[in-house]
Amino acid sequence: MTGGSGMGSIYKRLLRHPLRLAAALAPALLSPARVKGIVEVLFASGHGGAGGNGDGPPLPRHELFSIVVASDQRRRGVAERLYRRLCAGFRDRGVTSFRILVGKQLDAANRFYHRMGARPVTEVQLHEGAVSTIYVQDLNDESRPRSASIRSAGEVN
């Protein structure tokens, strides 16, 4: 990730337009329920164990919070390219694995991470009644994110 394509350059671009950034974040920051959810995720992410209480399997320190693709750009391979680029960037920095927290009800996201080669390691309940799956993506040469065909809904090669 060189030549201005790293996360640092993205943050710098966001900060060049503070009014746009504030307008984009305002709905989340003005909603007490969303702020509570953000705090719960950050608390859980800041600790090594599942759900932040240390009772789950040991988890990688590095984490992917989210990949979001605009609805008019979906089904064009954008998420897969972003994911592969993220994995390459992590490898370039010597990271050997990272974790991903995904709501269990998000079927498309769960299928995507399975297809990319991430493996589910545990489930946690961060928000009242909402179960999430924690995946781990290993970045060893033999476990690179891979493409897979989906035979039917929920069944991944």
N, C-alpha and C. Protein backbone atom coordinates (compact mmCIF):
# COMPACT_ATOMS: atom_id res chain seq x y z
N MET A 1 0.84 -1.17 0.00
CA MET A 1 0.00 0.00 0.00
C MET A 1 0.89 1.24 0.00
N THR A 2 1.32 1.58 -1.14
CA THR A 2 2.17 2.75 -1.25
C THR A 2 1.54 3.73 -2.21
N GLY A 3 2.18 4.89 -2.34
CA GLY A 3 1.69 5.85 -3.31
C GLY A 3 0.35 6.45 -2.94
N GLY A 4 0.09 6.60 -1.62
CA GLY A 4 -1.14 7.25 -1.20
C GLY A 4 -2.36 6.36 -1.20
N SER A 5 -2.18 5.06 -1.30
CA SER A 5 -3.36 4.19 -1.33
C SER A 5 -3.63 3.54 0.02
N GLY A 6 -2.84 3.86 1.06
CA GLY A 6 -3.03 3.26 2.36
C GLY A 6 -4.13 3.93 3.15
N MET A 7 -4.41 3.36 4.32
CA MET A 7 -5.47 3.90 5.17
C MET A 7 -5.14 5.32 5.62
N GLY A 8 -3.86 5.62 5.84
CA GLY A 8 -3.48 6.97 6.25
C GLY A 8 -3.95 8.01 5.26
N SER A 9 -3.82 7.72 3.98
CA SER A 9 -4.25 8.68 2.96
C SER A 9 -5.77 8.81 2.94
N ILE A 10 -6.47 7.73 3.24
CA ILE A 10 -7.94 7.80 3.30
C ILE A 10 -8.36 8.69 4.45
N TYR A 11 -7.75 8.51 5.61
CA TYR A 11 -8.08 9.35 6.76
C TYR A 11 -7.75 10.81 6.48
N LYS A 12 -6.63 11.06 5.84
CA LYS A 12 -6.26 12.44 5.51
C LYS A 12 -7.29 13.07 4.59
N ARG A 13 -7.76 12.30 3.59
CA ARG A 13 -8.79 12.84 2.69
C ARG A 13 -10.08 13.13 3.43
N LEU A 14 -10.46 12.25 4.34
CA LEU A 14 -11.67 12.48 5.13
C LEU A 14 -11.54 13.75 5.96
N LEU A 15 -10.38 13.96 6.55
CA LEU A 15 -10.19 15.11 7.42
C LEU A 15 -10.07 16.42 6.65
N ARG A 16 -9.82 16.36 5.35
CA ARG A 16 -9.79 17.57 4.53
C ARG A 16 -11.18 18.17 4.35
N HIS A 17 -12.20 17.38 4.59
CA HIS A 17 -13.59 17.81 4.43
C HIS A 17 -14.35 17.58 5.74
N PRO A 18 -14.00 18.33 6.80
CA PRO A 18 -14.59 18.06 8.11
C PRO A 18 -16.11 18.23 8.15
N LEU A 19 -16.64 19.14 7.37
CA LEU A 19 -18.10 19.32 7.38
C LEU A 19 -18.81 18.12 6.78
N ARG A 20 -18.27 17.59 5.68
CA ARG A 20 -18.85 16.38 5.07
C ARG A 20 -18.74 15.20 6.02
N LEU A 21 -17.58 15.09 6.66
CA LEU A 21 -17.36 13.99 7.61
C LEU A 21 -18.33 14.10 8.78
N ALA A 22 -18.49 15.30 9.33
CA ALA A 22 -19.42 15.50 10.44
C ALA A 22 -20.86 15.19 10.03
N ALA A 23 -21.23 15.61 8.83
CA ALA A 23 -22.59 15.34 8.34
C ALA A 23 -22.82 13.84 8.17
N ALA A 24 -21.80 13.13 7.71
CA ALA A 24 -21.94 11.68 7.52
C ALA A 24 -22.02 10.95 8.86
N LEU A 25 -21.30 11.43 9.86
CA LEU A 25 -21.27 10.77 11.16
C LEU A 25 -22.40 11.19 12.08
N ALA A 26 -22.99 12.35 11.84
CA ALA A 26 -24.00 12.90 12.74
C ALA A 26 -25.14 11.94 13.06
N PRO A 27 -25.74 11.27 12.09
CA PRO A 27 -26.86 10.37 12.44
C PRO A 27 -26.45 9.29 13.44
N ALA A 28 -25.25 8.75 13.29
CA ALA A 28 -24.80 7.71 14.22
C ALA A 28 -24.49 8.30 15.58
N LEU A 29 -23.88 9.46 15.61
CA LEU A 29 -23.47 10.04 16.88
C LEU A 29 -24.63 10.68 17.64
N LEU A 30 -25.71 11.00 16.96
CA LEU A 30 -26.86 11.60 17.63
C LEU A 30 -27.88 10.57 18.11
N SER A 31 -27.65 9.32 17.78
CA SER A 31 -28.55 8.25 18.20
C SER A 31 -27.94 7.53 19.41
N PRO A 32 -28.57 7.64 20.58
CA PRO A 32 -28.03 6.95 21.76
C PRO A 32 -27.87 5.44 21.55
N ALA A 33 -28.81 4.82 20.83
CA ALA A 33 -28.71 3.38 20.58
C ALA A 33 -27.48 3.05 19.73
N ARG A 34 -27.22 3.89 18.72
CA ARG A 34 -26.04 3.64 17.87
C ARG A 34 -24.74 3.88 18.64
N VAL A 35 -24.72 4.93 19.45
CA VAL A 35 -23.52 5.21 20.25
C VAL A 35 -23.26 4.03 21.19
N LYS A 36 -24.33 3.51 21.81
CA LYS A 36 -24.19 2.34 22.69
C LYS A 36 -23.63 1.15 21.91
N GLY A 37 -24.15 0.91 20.70
CA GLY A 37 -23.66 -0.19 19.87
C GLY A 37 -22.20 -0.02 19.50
N ILE A 38 -21.81 1.21 19.16
CA ILE A 38 -20.42 1.49 18.81
C ILE A 38 -19.52 1.21 20.00
N VAL A 39 -19.93 1.67 21.19
CA VAL A 39 -19.13 1.45 22.40
C VAL A 39 -19.01 -0.04 22.69
N GLU A 40 -20.11 -0.80 22.53
CA GLU A 40 -20.06 -2.24 22.77
C GLU A 40 -19.08 -2.93 21.82
N VAL A 41 -19.12 -2.57 20.56
CA VAL A 41 -18.20 -3.18 19.59
C VAL A 41 -16.76 -2.79 19.89
N LEU A 42 -16.53 -1.52 20.19
CA LEU A 42 -15.16 -1.09 20.51
C LEU A 42 -14.66 -1.75 21.78
N PHE A 43 -15.52 -1.90 22.78
CA PHE A 43 -15.10 -2.57 24.01
C PHE A 43 -14.72 -4.01 23.73
N ALA A 44 -15.55 -4.71 22.99
CA ALA A 44 -15.28 -6.12 22.67
C ALA A 44 -14.03 -6.23 21.81
N SER A 45 -13.85 -5.30 20.87
CA SER A 45 -12.71 -5.35 19.97
C SER A 45 -11.41 -5.05 20.69
N GLY A 46 -11.47 -4.30 21.75
CA GLY A 46 -10.27 -3.92 22.47
C GLY A 46 -9.72 -5.00 23.37
N HIS A 47 -10.42 -6.11 23.49
CA HIS A 47 -9.99 -7.21 24.35
C HIS A 47 -9.79 -8.45 23.50
N GLY A 48 -8.90 -9.34 23.95
CA GLY A 48 -8.55 -10.51 23.15
C GLY A 48 -9.59 -11.60 23.11
N GLY A 49 -10.43 -11.71 24.12
CA GLY A 49 -11.36 -12.82 24.17
C GLY A 49 -12.67 -12.49 23.51
N ALA A 50 -13.47 -13.50 23.27
CA ALA A 50 -14.78 -13.31 22.66
C ALA A 50 -15.62 -12.43 23.56
N GLY A 51 -16.24 -11.44 22.96
CA GLY A 51 -17.11 -10.58 23.71
C GLY A 51 -16.38 -9.69 24.69
N GLY A 52 -15.07 -9.67 24.64
CA GLY A 52 -14.31 -8.78 25.50
C GLY A 52 -14.08 -9.30 26.90
N ASN A 53 -14.56 -10.50 27.23
CA ASN A 53 -14.40 -10.97 28.60
C ASN A 53 -13.34 -12.05 28.74
N GLY A 54 -12.64 -12.37 27.66
CA GLY A 54 -11.51 -13.29 27.75
C GLY A 54 -11.90 -14.76 27.85
N ASP A 55 -13.19 -15.11 27.71
CA ASP A 55 -13.58 -16.51 27.88
C ASP A 55 -13.61 -17.30 26.57
N GLY A 56 -13.34 -16.67 25.45
CA GLY A 56 -13.36 -17.37 24.17
C GLY A 56 -11.95 -17.75 23.74
N PRO A 57 -11.83 -18.24 22.51
CA PRO A 57 -10.51 -18.61 22.00
C PRO A 57 -9.64 -17.36 21.84
N PRO A 58 -8.32 -17.52 21.87
CA PRO A 58 -7.46 -16.36 21.63
C PRO A 58 -7.70 -15.84 20.21
N LEU A 59 -7.80 -14.53 20.09
CA LEU A 59 -8.10 -13.92 18.80
C LEU A 59 -6.95 -13.04 18.34
N PRO A 60 -6.79 -12.89 17.03
CA PRO A 60 -5.74 -12.00 16.52
C PRO A 60 -5.98 -10.57 16.98
N ARG A 61 -4.91 -9.82 17.10
CA ARG A 61 -4.99 -8.43 17.52
C ARG A 61 -5.60 -7.55 16.44
N HIS A 62 -5.29 -7.84 15.20
CA HIS A 62 -5.77 -7.01 14.09
C HIS A 62 -7.19 -7.39 13.72
N GLU A 63 -7.96 -6.38 13.28
CA GLU A 63 -9.37 -6.61 13.03
C GLU A 63 -9.86 -5.81 11.83
N LEU A 64 -10.71 -6.44 11.04
CA LEU A 64 -11.45 -5.76 9.98
C LEU A 64 -12.80 -5.41 10.57
N PHE A 65 -13.13 -4.13 10.64
CA PHE A 65 -14.42 -3.73 11.20
C PHE A 65 -15.53 -3.94 10.18
N SER A 66 -15.30 -3.54 8.94
CA SER A 66 -16.40 -3.62 7.98
C SER A 66 -15.91 -3.36 6.57
N ILE A 67 -16.57 -3.98 5.63
CA ILE A 67 -16.44 -3.63 4.22
C ILE A 67 -17.85 -3.23 3.78
N VAL A 68 -17.97 -2.05 3.26
CA VAL A 68 -19.27 -1.57 2.80
C VAL A 68 -19.12 -1.11 1.36
N VAL A 69 -20.01 -1.59 0.51
CA VAL A 69 -19.99 -1.24 -0.91
C VAL A 69 -21.34 -0.60 -1.23
N ALA A 70 -21.29 0.53 -1.91
CA ALA A 70 -22.53 1.21 -2.30
C ALA A 70 -23.42 0.25 -3.08
N SER A 71 -24.72 0.35 -2.84
CA SER A 71 -25.65 -0.60 -3.45
C SER A 71 -25.56 -0.64 -4.97
N ASP A 72 -25.29 0.49 -5.61
CA ASP A 72 -25.21 0.49 -7.07
C ASP A 72 -23.89 -0.08 -7.60
N GLN A 73 -22.96 -0.41 -6.68
CA GLN A 73 -21.67 -0.98 -7.09
C GLN A 73 -21.52 -2.46 -6.70
N ARG A 74 -22.57 -3.02 -6.10
CA ARG A 74 -22.50 -4.41 -5.65
C ARG A 74 -22.55 -5.37 -6.83
N ARG A 75 -22.06 -6.59 -6.57
CA ARG A 75 -22.02 -7.67 -7.56
C ARG A 75 -21.08 -7.35 -8.73
N ARG A 76 -20.06 -6.54 -8.44
CA ARG A 76 -19.05 -6.19 -9.44
C ARG A 76 -17.64 -6.59 -8.98
N GLY A 77 -17.56 -7.30 -7.87
CA GLY A 77 -16.26 -7.73 -7.36
C GLY A 77 -15.54 -6.69 -6.53
N VAL A 78 -16.21 -5.60 -6.18
CA VAL A 78 -15.56 -4.52 -5.43
C VAL A 78 -15.14 -5.01 -4.05
N ALA A 79 -16.04 -5.67 -3.32
CA ALA A 79 -15.73 -6.14 -1.98
C ALA A 79 -14.57 -7.14 -2.00
N GLU A 80 -14.58 -8.02 -2.98
CA GLU A 80 -13.50 -9.00 -3.07
C GLU A 80 -12.16 -8.32 -3.33
N ARG A 81 -12.14 -7.33 -4.21
CA ARG A 81 -10.89 -6.60 -4.46
C ARG A 81 -10.43 -5.86 -3.22
N LEU A 82 -11.34 -5.23 -2.50
CA LEU A 82 -10.99 -4.54 -1.26
C LEU A 82 -10.41 -5.53 -0.24
N TYR A 83 -11.05 -6.66 -0.11
CA TYR A 83 -10.62 -7.67 0.86
C TYR A 83 -9.23 -8.20 0.50
N ARG A 84 -9.03 -8.52 -0.76
CA ARG A 84 -7.72 -9.03 -1.18
C ARG A 84 -6.62 -7.98 -0.97
N ARG A 85 -6.96 -6.72 -1.22
CA ARG A 85 -5.99 -5.63 -1.02
C ARG A 85 -5.68 -5.46 0.46
N LEU A 86 -6.70 -5.58 1.30
CA LEU A 86 -6.49 -5.52 2.75
C LEU A 86 -5.56 -6.64 3.19
N CYS A 87 -5.83 -7.87 2.73
CA CYS A 87 -4.98 -9.01 3.08
C CYS A 87 -3.55 -8.80 2.63
N ALA A 88 -3.36 -8.29 1.43
CA ALA A 88 -2.01 -8.02 0.92
C ALA A 88 -1.32 -6.96 1.78
N GLY A 89 -2.05 -5.93 2.15
CA GLY A 89 -1.48 -4.88 2.99
C GLY A 89 -1.09 -5.42 4.36
N PHE A 90 -1.93 -6.27 4.93
CA PHE A 90 -1.58 -6.88 6.21
C PHE A 90 -0.33 -7.74 6.06
N ARG A 91 -0.28 -8.58 5.01
CA ARG A 91 0.90 -9.43 4.79
C ARG A 91 2.16 -8.59 4.65
N ASP A 92 2.07 -7.49 3.90
CA ASP A 92 3.22 -6.61 3.71
C ASP A 92 3.75 -6.07 5.03
N ARG A 93 2.88 -5.98 6.01
CA ARG A 93 3.26 -5.45 7.33
C ARG A 93 3.58 -6.56 8.33
N GLY A 94 3.61 -7.81 7.87
CA GLY A 94 3.96 -8.92 8.74
C GLY A 94 2.82 -9.46 9.59
N VAL A 95 1.60 -9.05 9.30
CA VAL A 95 0.44 -9.56 10.04
C VAL A 95 0.12 -10.95 9.51
N THR A 96 -0.09 -11.90 10.41
CA THR A 96 -0.33 -13.29 9.99
C THR A 96 -1.80 -13.68 10.03
N SER A 97 -2.64 -12.91 10.72
CA SER A 97 -4.07 -13.19 10.76
C SER A 97 -4.82 -11.98 11.29
N PHE A 98 -6.12 -11.94 11.02
CA PHE A 98 -6.95 -10.88 11.58
C PHE A 98 -8.35 -11.43 11.82
N ARG A 99 -9.11 -10.71 12.62
CA ARG A 99 -10.46 -11.15 12.97
C ARG A 99 -11.50 -10.25 12.35
N ILE A 100 -12.71 -10.80 12.23
CA ILE A 100 -13.84 -10.08 11.64
C ILE A 100 -15.07 -10.43 12.48
N LEU A 101 -15.82 -9.44 12.92
CA LEU A 101 -17.05 -9.64 13.66
C LEU A 101 -18.22 -9.38 12.73
N VAL A 102 -19.10 -10.38 12.56
CA VAL A 102 -20.21 -10.26 11.61
C VAL A 102 -21.50 -10.70 12.28
N GLY A 103 -22.52 -9.87 12.16
CA GLY A 103 -23.83 -10.25 12.68
C GLY A 103 -24.29 -11.56 12.06
N LYS A 104 -24.76 -12.47 12.88
CA LYS A 104 -25.16 -13.80 12.39
C LYS A 104 -26.28 -13.71 11.36
N GLN A 105 -27.13 -12.69 11.47
CA GLN A 105 -28.27 -12.55 10.56
C GLN A 105 -27.86 -11.97 9.20
N LEU A 106 -26.64 -11.55 9.04
CA LEU A 106 -26.17 -10.96 7.77
C LEU A 106 -25.68 -12.07 6.84
N ASP A 107 -26.63 -12.74 6.21
CA ASP A 107 -26.31 -13.92 5.39
C ASP A 107 -25.30 -13.63 4.29
N ALA A 108 -25.48 -12.54 3.56
CA ALA A 108 -24.56 -12.24 2.45
C ALA A 108 -23.15 -12.01 2.97
N ALA A 109 -23.01 -11.29 4.08
CA ALA A 109 -21.68 -11.03 4.65
C ALA A 109 -21.04 -12.32 5.12
N ASN A 110 -21.82 -13.17 5.78
CA ASN A 110 -21.27 -14.44 6.25
C ASN A 110 -20.82 -15.32 5.08
N ARG A 111 -21.61 -15.37 4.01
CA ARG A 111 -21.21 -16.14 2.82
C ARG A 111 -19.93 -15.56 2.22
N PHE A 112 -19.83 -14.24 2.19
CA PHE A 112 -18.65 -13.58 1.62
C PHE A 112 -17.39 -13.98 2.38
N TYR A 113 -17.41 -13.88 3.71
CA TYR A 113 -16.20 -14.18 4.49
C TYR A 113 -15.85 -15.67 4.39
N HIS A 114 -16.84 -16.55 4.34
CA HIS A 114 -16.56 -17.97 4.10
C HIS A 114 -15.86 -18.13 2.76
N ARG A 115 -16.39 -17.49 1.73
CA ARG A 115 -15.83 -17.61 0.38
C ARG A 115 -14.41 -17.09 0.32
N MET A 116 -14.10 -16.09 1.13
CA MET A 116 -12.76 -15.52 1.15
C MET A 116 -11.78 -16.37 1.96
N GLY A 117 -12.29 -17.40 2.63
CA GLY A 117 -11.40 -18.30 3.35
C GLY A 117 -11.33 -18.05 4.84
N ALA A 118 -12.09 -17.09 5.36
CA ALA A 118 -12.11 -16.86 6.80
C ALA A 118 -12.86 -18.01 7.46
N ARG A 119 -12.45 -18.36 8.67
CA ARG A 119 -13.12 -19.46 9.37
C ARG A 119 -13.79 -18.94 10.63
N PRO A 120 -15.02 -19.36 10.87
CA PRO A 120 -15.70 -18.95 12.10
C PRO A 120 -15.05 -19.63 13.30
N VAL A 121 -14.78 -18.87 14.36
CA VAL A 121 -14.14 -19.46 15.54
C VAL A 121 -15.02 -19.43 16.78
N THR A 122 -15.95 -18.49 16.85
CA THR A 122 -16.84 -18.42 18.01
C THR A 122 -18.00 -17.50 17.71
N GLU A 123 -18.98 -17.53 18.57
CA GLU A 123 -20.10 -16.60 18.47
C GLU A 123 -20.16 -15.81 19.76
N VAL A 124 -20.60 -14.56 19.66
CA VAL A 124 -20.73 -13.69 20.82
C VAL A 124 -22.04 -12.94 20.73
N GLN A 125 -22.48 -12.46 21.87
CA GLN A 125 -23.66 -11.60 21.90
C GLN A 125 -23.20 -10.26 22.46
N LEU A 126 -23.03 -9.29 21.56
CA LEU A 126 -22.58 -7.97 21.97
C LEU A 126 -23.75 -7.06 22.28
N HIS A 127 -24.77 -7.14 21.47
CA HIS A 127 -25.94 -6.29 21.62
C HIS A 127 -27.08 -7.17 22.11
N GLU A 128 -28.01 -6.58 22.81
CA GLU A 128 -29.14 -7.33 23.37
C GLU A 128 -29.81 -8.21 22.31
N GLY A 129 -29.68 -9.52 22.47
CA GLY A 129 -30.36 -10.47 21.59
C GLY A 129 -29.74 -10.67 20.23
N ALA A 130 -28.69 -9.95 19.89
CA ALA A 130 -28.07 -10.07 18.57
C ALA A 130 -26.78 -10.89 18.66
N VAL A 131 -26.76 -12.02 17.99
CA VAL A 131 -25.59 -12.89 17.99
C VAL A 131 -24.71 -12.54 16.80
N SER A 132 -23.41 -12.51 17.02
CA SER A 132 -22.44 -12.26 15.96
C SER A 132 -21.44 -13.40 15.90
N THR A 133 -20.92 -13.65 14.72
CA THR A 133 -19.88 -14.65 14.51
C THR A 133 -18.55 -13.93 14.41
N ILE A 134 -17.54 -14.47 15.08
CA ILE A 134 -16.18 -13.95 14.93
C ILE A 134 -15.44 -14.91 14.01
N TYR A 135 -14.95 -14.37 12.91
CA TYR A 135 -14.15 -15.12 11.95
C TYR A 135 -12.68 -14.77 12.14
N VAL A 136 -11.81 -15.69 11.75
CA VAL A 136 -10.38 -15.41 11.69
C VAL A 136 -9.92 -15.72 10.27
N GLN A 137 -9.20 -14.77 9.69
CA GLN A 137 -8.59 -14.96 8.37
C GLN A 137 -7.10 -15.16 8.58
N ASP A 138 -6.62 -16.36 8.27
CA ASP A 138 -5.19 -16.64 8.33
C ASP A 138 -4.56 -16.14 7.04
N LEU A 139 -3.39 -15.56 7.14
CA LEU A 139 -2.73 -14.97 5.97
C LEU A 139 -1.49 -15.73 5.54
N ASN A 140 -1.34 -16.96 5.98
CA ASN A 140 -0.23 -17.79 5.52
C ASN A 140 -0.40 -18.05 4.03
N ASP A 141 0.67 -18.36 3.33
CA ASP A 141 0.59 -18.59 1.89
C ASP A 141 -0.44 -19.64 1.52
N GLU A 142 -0.53 -20.72 2.32
CA GLU A 142 -1.46 -21.79 1.97
C GLU A 142 -2.91 -21.47 2.33
N SER A 143 -3.14 -20.37 3.04
CA SER A 143 -4.53 -20.05 3.41
C SER A 143 -4.94 -18.68 2.90
N ARG A 144 -4.40 -18.31 1.75
CA ARG A 144 -4.78 -17.02 1.15
C ARG A 144 -6.27 -16.99 0.85
N PRO A 145 -6.87 -15.79 0.91
CA PRO A 145 -8.28 -15.69 0.51
C PRO A 145 -8.44 -16.28 -0.88
N ARG A 146 -9.46 -17.05 -1.05
CA ARG A 146 -9.67 -17.76 -2.31
C ARG A 146 -11.05 -17.47 -2.84
N SER A 147 -11.18 -17.59 -4.13
CA SER A 147 -12.50 -17.50 -4.73
C SER A 147 -13.16 -18.86 -4.60
N ALA A 148 -14.46 -18.88 -4.55
CA ALA A 148 -15.19 -20.12 -4.45
C ALA A 148 -16.50 -19.96 -5.17
N SER A 149 -17.04 -21.07 -5.60
CA SER A 149 -18.34 -21.01 -6.22
C SER A 149 -19.40 -21.31 -5.17
N ILE A 150 -20.53 -20.67 -5.31
CA ILE A 150 -21.63 -20.93 -4.39
C ILE A 150 -22.62 -21.82 -5.12
N ARG A 151 -22.79 -23.05 -4.64
CA ARG A 151 -23.67 -24.02 -5.32
C ARG A 151 -25.14 -23.64 -5.12
N SER A 152 -25.49 -23.33 -3.89
CA SER A 152 -26.86 -22.92 -3.61
C SER A 152 -26.80 -21.99 -2.40
N ALA A 153 -27.89 -21.39 -2.07
CA ALA A 153 -27.90 -20.44 -0.95
C ALA A 153 -27.29 -21.08 0.28
N GLY A 154 -26.22 -20.48 0.77
CA GLY A 154 -25.59 -20.95 2.00
C GLY A 154 -24.58 -22.04 1.83
N GLU A 155 -24.47 -22.67 0.68
CA GLU A 155 -23.50 -23.75 0.49
C GLU A 155 -22.33 -23.20 -0.30
N VAL A 156 -21.16 -23.25 0.30
CA VAL A 156 -19.97 -22.65 -0.32
C VAL A 156 -18.96 -23.75 -0.60
N ASN A 157 -18.32 -23.66 -1.76
CA ASN A 157 -17.21 -24.57 -2.09
C ASN A 157 -15.97 -24.12 -1.38
